[in-house]
């Protein structure tokens, strides 16, 4: 991304991650996965997906980031994040759009498989055309990052359908429902 094309928010992201060394989790007992935090302009927003509901999938129906488990064909976890984002939402991320790697996350829960997730932050200079596949994402939203309160921008849907979104912070759960 060209510096001249970056918004003030995007510039702050780039500045704060410059030279930062992320914390990594190296545990051979954990499966490895990667996700992409995709920030887009006009206005600055973060791409979220709602995963399709499938029996046996511990992330079924949850809001999340595009990504998934590494494949033996991937050169590394950055390749995993790029490949999975393209497979799930049709966005071809470029290495020059990579701002940095964030700290690895290794959730410990009896409800989840043993897994380490490596997040990568990409800042795009344009809003991409999103073409979701029919397997993983059920729907998508852009989280407006301009100011609080954060606003979810949901695409239009058929009259017979509705969104049911659960928002959780450390103190309380708020359920938002809209048609």
Protein backbone atom coordinates (compact mmCIF):
# COMPACT_ATOMS: atom_id res chain seq x y z
CA UNK A 1 0.00 0.00 0.00
CA UNK A 2 1.32 3.42 -0.93
CA UNK A 3 1.78 5.76 2.02
CA UNK A 4 -0.03 8.50 0.08
CA UNK A 5 -3.14 6.29 -0.18
CA UNK A 6 -3.28 5.44 3.53
CA UNK A 7 -5.89 6.96 5.82
CA UNK A 8 -4.78 8.41 9.18
CA UNK A 9 -6.11 5.25 10.89
CA UNK A 10 -4.16 3.01 8.52
CA UNK A 11 -1.02 5.11 9.10
CA UNK A 12 -1.39 4.58 12.87
CA UNK A 13 -1.64 0.82 12.35
CA UNK A 14 1.50 0.79 10.23
CA UNK A 15 3.40 2.97 12.72
CA UNK A 16 2.38 0.94 15.78
CA UNK A 17 3.35 -2.38 14.20
CA UNK A 18 6.64 -1.17 12.72
CA UNK A 19 9.51 -3.05 14.33
CA UNK A 20 7.21 -4.92 16.73
CA UNK A 21 8.23 -8.50 17.47
CA UNK A 22 5.13 -10.69 17.93
CA UNK A 23 4.88 -13.36 20.59
CA UNK A 24 4.85 -16.80 18.99
CA UNK A 25 3.66 -20.16 20.29
CA UNK A 26 5.82 -23.09 19.21
CA UNK A 27 4.14 -26.26 20.46
CA UNK A 28 4.36 -29.37 18.25
CA UNK A 29 1.22 -30.77 19.91
CA UNK A 30 -0.91 -27.94 18.51
CA UNK A 31 -2.38 -27.84 15.02
CA UNK A 32 -1.41 -24.65 13.19
CA UNK A 33 -3.78 -22.14 11.62
CA UNK A 34 -3.72 -18.55 10.41
CA UNK A 35 -6.25 -15.74 10.00
CA UNK A 36 -6.23 -12.45 8.10
CA UNK A 37 -7.35 -9.18 9.63
CA UNK A 38 -8.34 -7.30 6.48
CA UNK A 39 -8.69 -3.53 6.94
CA UNK A 40 -10.30 -1.68 4.03
CA UNK A 41 -10.78 2.08 3.41
CA UNK A 42 -13.71 4.43 2.72
CA UNK A 43 -14.49 4.29 5.64
CA UNK A 44 -11.86 2.23 7.47
CA UNK A 45 -13.41 -1.11 8.35
CA UNK A 46 -12.45 -4.66 9.35
CA UNK A 47 -13.83 -7.61 7.36
CA UNK A 48 -15.66 -10.19 9.48
CA UNK A 49 -17.36 -13.38 8.34
CA UNK A 50 -20.08 -15.43 9.95
CA UNK A 51 -19.16 -19.06 9.53
CA UNK A 52 -21.67 -21.49 8.07
CA UNK A 53 -23.42 -23.76 10.54
CA UNK A 54 -22.20 -27.35 10.32
CA UNK A 55 -22.57 -30.23 12.77
CA UNK A 56 -19.30 -31.04 14.54
CA UNK A 57 -17.67 -27.70 13.68
CA UNK A 58 -16.69 -25.96 16.96
CA UNK A 59 -16.77 -22.56 15.19
CA UNK A 60 -20.14 -23.20 13.52
CA UNK A 61 -22.17 -20.00 13.16
CA UNK A 62 -19.58 -17.76 14.85
CA UNK A 63 -18.37 -14.37 13.67
CA UNK A 64 -14.68 -14.45 12.90
CA UNK A 65 -11.87 -13.64 10.52
CA UNK A 66 -11.14 -15.36 7.23
CA UNK A 67 -8.58 -18.11 7.77
CA UNK A 68 -8.08 -21.74 8.63
CA UNK A 69 -5.69 -24.60 9.22
CA UNK A 70 -2.37 -24.81 7.47
CA UNK A 71 -1.89 -27.20 4.61
CA UNK A 72 1.30 -29.16 3.90
CA UNK A 73 1.41 -27.29 0.56
CA UNK A 74 1.62 -23.89 2.34
CA UNK A 75 5.15 -22.44 2.55
CA UNK A 76 4.24 -21.02 5.97
CA UNK A 77 1.39 -19.55 7.97
CA UNK A 78 1.41 -16.32 5.96
CA UNK A 79 0.65 -18.45 2.89
CA UNK A 80 -2.13 -20.14 4.88
CA UNK A 81 -3.77 -16.78 5.70
CA UNK A 82 -3.51 -15.62 2.08
CA UNK A 83 -4.82 -18.92 0.66
CA UNK A 84 -7.70 -19.26 3.14
CA UNK A 85 -8.82 -15.65 2.61
CA UNK A 86 -8.94 -16.21 -1.13
CA UNK A 87 -10.80 -19.53 -0.72
CA UNK A 88 -13.36 -18.13 1.73
CA UNK A 89 -14.10 -14.63 0.44
CA UNK A 90 -12.35 -14.36 -2.94
CA UNK A 91 -9.93 -11.62 -1.88
CA UNK A 92 -6.42 -12.02 -3.30
CA UNK A 93 -4.21 -10.52 -0.62
CA UNK A 94 -0.84 -9.18 -1.74
CA UNK A 95 2.36 -9.40 0.30
CA UNK A 96 2.83 -5.64 -0.07
CA UNK A 97 -0.51 -5.18 1.76
CA UNK A 98 0.84 -7.05 4.80
CA UNK A 99 1.39 -4.67 7.72
CA UNK A 100 2.55 -7.28 10.18
CA UNK A 101 2.05 -10.35 12.25
CA UNK A 102 0.20 -10.15 15.57
CA UNK A 103 0.70 -12.35 18.64
CA UNK A 104 -0.12 -16.04 18.27
CA UNK A 105 -3.27 -17.22 20.05
CA UNK A 106 -3.59 -20.71 21.51
CA UNK A 107 -7.04 -21.06 23.11
CA UNK A 108 -7.30 -23.73 25.77
CA UNK A 109 -10.81 -25.08 25.88
CA UNK A 110 -12.33 -28.55 26.13
CA UNK A 111 -14.71 -27.47 23.34
CA UNK A 112 -11.97 -26.65 20.82
CA UNK A 113 -9.28 -28.77 19.21
CA UNK A 114 -5.69 -28.07 20.34
CA UNK A 115 -4.78 -25.24 17.99
CA UNK A 116 -2.44 -22.27 17.56
CA UNK A 117 -3.70 -19.37 15.42
CA UNK A 118 -1.34 -16.79 13.88
CA UNK A 119 -3.05 -13.51 12.88
CA UNK A 120 -1.72 -11.35 10.03
CA UNK A 121 -2.84 -7.75 9.47
CA UNK A 122 -3.39 -6.58 5.89
CA UNK A 123 -4.29 -2.98 5.00
CA UNK A 124 -5.84 -2.61 1.56
CA UNK A 125 -5.80 0.61 -0.46
CA UNK A 126 -9.19 -0.19 -2.02
CA UNK A 127 -12.43 -1.94 -1.11
CA UNK A 128 -12.19 -5.35 -2.75
CA UNK A 129 -14.99 -7.17 -4.49
CA UNK A 130 -15.90 -9.94 -2.10
CA UNK A 131 -17.01 -13.24 -3.62
CA UNK A 132 -17.68 -15.72 -0.83
CA UNK A 133 -17.63 -19.42 -1.54
CA UNK A 134 -20.70 -21.39 -0.55
CA UNK A 135 -18.91 -23.57 2.00
CA UNK A 136 -17.36 -21.50 4.81
CA UNK A 137 -18.85 -18.03 5.24
CA UNK A 138 -22.59 -17.76 5.72
CA UNK A 139 -22.45 -13.98 5.63
CA UNK A 140 -20.01 -11.09 5.99
CA UNK A 141 -19.91 -7.70 7.67
CA UNK A 142 -17.58 -4.72 7.78
CA UNK A 143 -16.87 -3.36 11.25
CA UNK A 144 -16.58 0.44 10.99
CA UNK A 145 -13.35 1.43 12.76
CA UNK A 146 -13.72 5.23 12.60
CA UNK A 147 -15.05 5.81 16.10
CA UNK A 148 -16.81 4.22 19.01
CA UNK A 149 -19.33 2.86 19.32
CA UNK A 150 -18.21 0.38 16.67
CA UNK A 151 -20.89 -0.10 14.02
CA UNK A 152 -21.49 -3.33 12.11
CA UNK A 153 -22.49 -2.68 8.50
CA UNK A 154 -24.50 -5.64 7.29
CA UNK A 155 -25.40 -6.22 3.67
CA UNK A 156 -29.05 -6.28 2.61
CA UNK A 157 -30.74 -9.65 2.83
CA UNK A 158 -34.02 -11.20 1.76
CA UNK A 159 -37.16 -10.15 3.72
CA UNK A 160 -37.66 -13.67 5.11
CA UNK A 161 -34.18 -13.72 6.74
CA UNK A 162 -32.71 -11.77 9.65
CA UNK A 163 -29.41 -11.25 11.45
CA UNK A 164 -28.87 -12.47 14.99
CA UNK A 165 -25.54 -11.19 16.34
CA UNK A 166 -24.18 -11.74 19.84
CA UNK A 167 -21.70 -9.11 21.04
CA UNK A 168 -19.62 -9.94 24.10
CA UNK A 169 -17.25 -7.85 26.20
CA UNK A 170 -15.65 -8.67 29.53
CA UNK A 171 -18.57 -7.33 31.56
CA UNK A 172 -21.76 -8.16 29.72
CA UNK A 173 -23.38 -9.75 26.71
CA UNK A 174 -25.53 -7.68 24.40
CA UNK A 175 -27.69 -9.32 21.76
CA UNK A 176 -28.56 -7.33 18.67
CA UNK A 177 -31.27 -8.44 16.31
CA UNK A 178 -32.32 -6.75 13.12
CA UNK A 179 -34.36 -7.29 10.02
